[in-house]
């Protein structure tokens, strides 16, 4: 996976994030770009793994993880039937 530094991350459009809007603890949108950047297949696969990890820790809802995984599967070229 290619290293993604801060400058490169800022150049990624919101549409390439698993969660385009950051959400704070109060449920309000925070300033800045989203979470789980997916500019390529390696980052998409990693986003799926991190989403699962955060659900298991109780820091991400299952619904948000499902959004991230669906976006990653599109990038990875997996159909809903084949990939989880």
C-alpha atoms as a PDB file:
ATOM      1  CA  UNK A   1       0.000   0.000   0.000  1.00  0.00           C
ATOM      2  CA  UNK A   2       1.335   3.399  -0.954  1.00  0.00           C
ATOM      3  CA  UNK A   3       2.044   5.760   1.911  1.00  0.00           C
ATOM      4  CA  UNK A   4      -0.579   8.493   2.163  1.00  0.00           C
ATOM      5  CA  UNK A   5       0.858  11.653   3.697  1.00  0.00           C
ATOM      6  CA  UNK A   6      -1.166  14.636   4.907  1.00  0.00           C
ATOM      7  CA  UNK A   7      -0.716  16.669   1.734  1.00  0.00           C
ATOM      8  CA  UNK A   8      -1.823  13.800  -0.501  1.00  0.00           C
ATOM      9  CA  UNK A   9      -4.787  13.052   1.791  1.00  0.00           C
ATOM     10  CA  UNK A  10      -5.996  16.659   1.524  1.00  0.00           C
ATOM     11  CA  UNK A  11      -6.067  16.343  -2.272  1.00  0.00           C
ATOM     12  CA  UNK A  12      -8.385  13.317  -2.222  1.00  0.00           C
ATOM     13  CA  UNK A  13     -11.995  14.283  -3.076  1.00  0.00           C
ATOM     14  CA  UNK A  14     -14.694  13.560  -0.491  1.00  0.00           C
ATOM     15  CA  UNK A  15     -16.179  10.993  -2.854  1.00  0.00           C
ATOM     16  CA  UNK A  16     -13.143   8.740  -2.293  1.00  0.00           C
ATOM     17  CA  UNK A  17     -13.696   8.384   1.456  1.00  0.00           C
ATOM     18  CA  UNK A  18     -15.650   5.551   3.070  1.00  0.00           C
ATOM     19  CA  UNK A  19     -17.315   8.061   5.371  1.00  0.00           C
ATOM     20  CA  UNK A  20     -17.220  11.429   3.572  1.00  0.00           C
ATOM     21  CA  UNK A  21     -18.190  13.440   6.659  1.00  0.00           C
ATOM     22  CA  UNK A  22     -16.415  13.135   9.987  1.00  0.00           C
ATOM     23  CA  UNK A  23     -18.823  12.826  12.887  1.00  0.00           C
ATOM     24  CA  UNK A  24     -17.932  13.841  16.422  1.00  0.00           C
ATOM     25  CA  UNK A  25     -19.021  12.238  19.679  1.00  0.00           C
ATOM     26  CA  UNK A  26     -22.108  14.462  19.825  1.00  0.00           C
ATOM     27  CA  UNK A  27     -23.226  13.204  16.405  1.00  0.00           C
ATOM     28  CA  UNK A  28     -22.445  16.541  14.750  1.00  0.00           C
ATOM     29  CA  UNK A  29     -20.335  16.839  11.597  1.00  0.00           C
ATOM     30  CA  UNK A  30     -16.799  17.999  12.273  1.00  0.00           C
ATOM     31  CA  UNK A  31     -14.788  20.186   9.947  1.00  0.00           C
ATOM     32  CA  UNK A  32     -12.486  18.549   7.439  1.00  0.00           C
ATOM     33  CA  UNK A  33     -12.479  15.603   5.113  1.00  0.00           C
ATOM     34  CA  UNK A  34     -13.933  12.242   5.944  1.00  0.00           C
ATOM     35  CA  UNK A  35     -12.569   9.024   7.310  1.00  0.00           C
ATOM     36  CA  UNK A  36     -11.320   5.850   5.624  1.00  0.00           C
ATOM     37  CA  UNK A  37      -9.657   7.210   2.463  1.00  0.00           C
ATOM     38  CA  UNK A  38      -9.784   4.849  -0.526  1.00  0.00           C
ATOM     39  CA  UNK A  39      -7.743   6.305  -3.398  1.00  0.00           C
ATOM     40  CA  UNK A  40      -6.680   2.821  -4.538  1.00  0.00           C
ATOM     41  CA  UNK A  41      -7.357  -0.906  -4.038  1.00  0.00           C
ATOM     42  CA  UNK A  42      -4.827  -1.290  -1.240  1.00  0.00           C
ATOM     43  CA  UNK A  43      -6.432   1.487   0.800  1.00  0.00           C
ATOM     44  CA  UNK A  44      -9.899   0.050   0.096  1.00  0.00           C
ATOM     45  CA  UNK A  45      -8.895  -3.371   1.439  1.00  0.00           C
ATOM     46  CA  UNK A  46      -7.330  -1.726   4.472  1.00  0.00           C
ATOM     47  CA  UNK A  47     -10.448   0.371   5.097  1.00  0.00           C
ATOM     48  CA  UNK A  48     -12.560  -2.797   5.254  1.00  0.00           C
ATOM     49  CA  UNK A  49     -10.211  -4.312   7.816  1.00  0.00           C
ATOM     50  CA  UNK A  50     -10.066  -1.159   9.950  1.00  0.00           C
ATOM     51  CA  UNK A  51     -13.863  -0.778   9.857  1.00  0.00           C
ATOM     52  CA  UNK A  52     -14.284  -4.329  11.157  1.00  0.00           C
ATOM     53  CA  UNK A  53     -11.689  -3.629  13.828  1.00  0.00           C
ATOM     54  CA  UNK A  54     -13.475  -0.459  14.980  1.00  0.00           C
ATOM     55  CA  UNK A  55     -16.861  -2.216  15.112  1.00  0.00           C
ATOM     56  CA  UNK A  56     -15.331  -4.900  17.327  1.00  0.00           C
ATOM     57  CA  UNK A  57     -13.942  -2.177  19.625  1.00  0.00           C
ATOM     58  CA  UNK A  58     -17.339  -0.464  19.761  1.00  0.00           C
ATOM     59  CA  UNK A  59     -16.061   2.736  18.116  1.00  0.00           C
ATOM     60  CA  UNK A  60     -17.985   2.404  14.833  1.00  0.00           C
ATOM     61  CA  UNK A  61     -21.566   1.406  14.175  1.00  0.00           C
ATOM     62  CA  UNK A  62     -22.392  -1.624  12.048  1.00  0.00           C
ATOM     63  CA  UNK A  63     -24.282   0.667   9.650  1.00  0.00           C
ATOM     64  CA  UNK A  64     -21.230   2.868   9.102  1.00  0.00           C
ATOM     65  CA  UNK A  65     -19.054  -0.208   8.617  1.00  0.00           C
ATOM     66  CA  UNK A  66     -21.498  -1.496   6.010  1.00  0.00           C
ATOM     67  CA  UNK A  67     -21.192   1.791   4.087  1.00  0.00           C
ATOM     68  CA  UNK A  68     -17.409   1.585   4.189  1.00  0.00           C
ATOM     69  CA  UNK A  69     -17.386  -2.045   3.063  1.00  0.00           C
ATOM     70  CA  UNK A  70     -19.836  -1.398   0.212  1.00  0.00           C
ATOM     71  CA  UNK A  71     -17.679   1.466  -1.076  1.00  0.00           C
ATOM     72  CA  UNK A  72     -14.523  -0.636  -0.740  1.00  0.00           C
ATOM     73  CA  UNK A  73     -16.134  -3.555  -2.583  1.00  0.00           C
ATOM     74  CA  UNK A  74     -16.935  -1.263  -5.515  1.00  0.00           C
ATOM     75  CA  UNK A  75     -13.300  -0.194  -5.685  1.00  0.00           C
ATOM     76  CA  UNK A  76     -12.076  -3.768  -5.323  1.00  0.00           C
ATOM     77  CA  UNK A  77     -14.476  -4.980  -8.006  1.00  0.00           C
ATOM     78  CA  UNK A  78     -16.275  -7.407  -5.711  1.00  0.00           C
ATOM     79  CA  UNK A  79     -19.964  -8.080  -6.057  1.00  0.00           C
ATOM     80  CA  UNK A  80     -22.231  -8.091  -3.011  1.00  0.00           C
ATOM     81  CA  UNK A  81     -22.708 -11.844  -3.404  1.00  0.00           C
ATOM     82  CA  UNK A  82     -18.975 -12.672  -3.452  1.00  0.00           C
ATOM     83  CA  UNK A  83     -17.267 -10.327  -0.991  1.00  0.00           C
ATOM     84  CA  UNK A  84     -18.054  -9.421   2.584  1.00  0.00           C
END
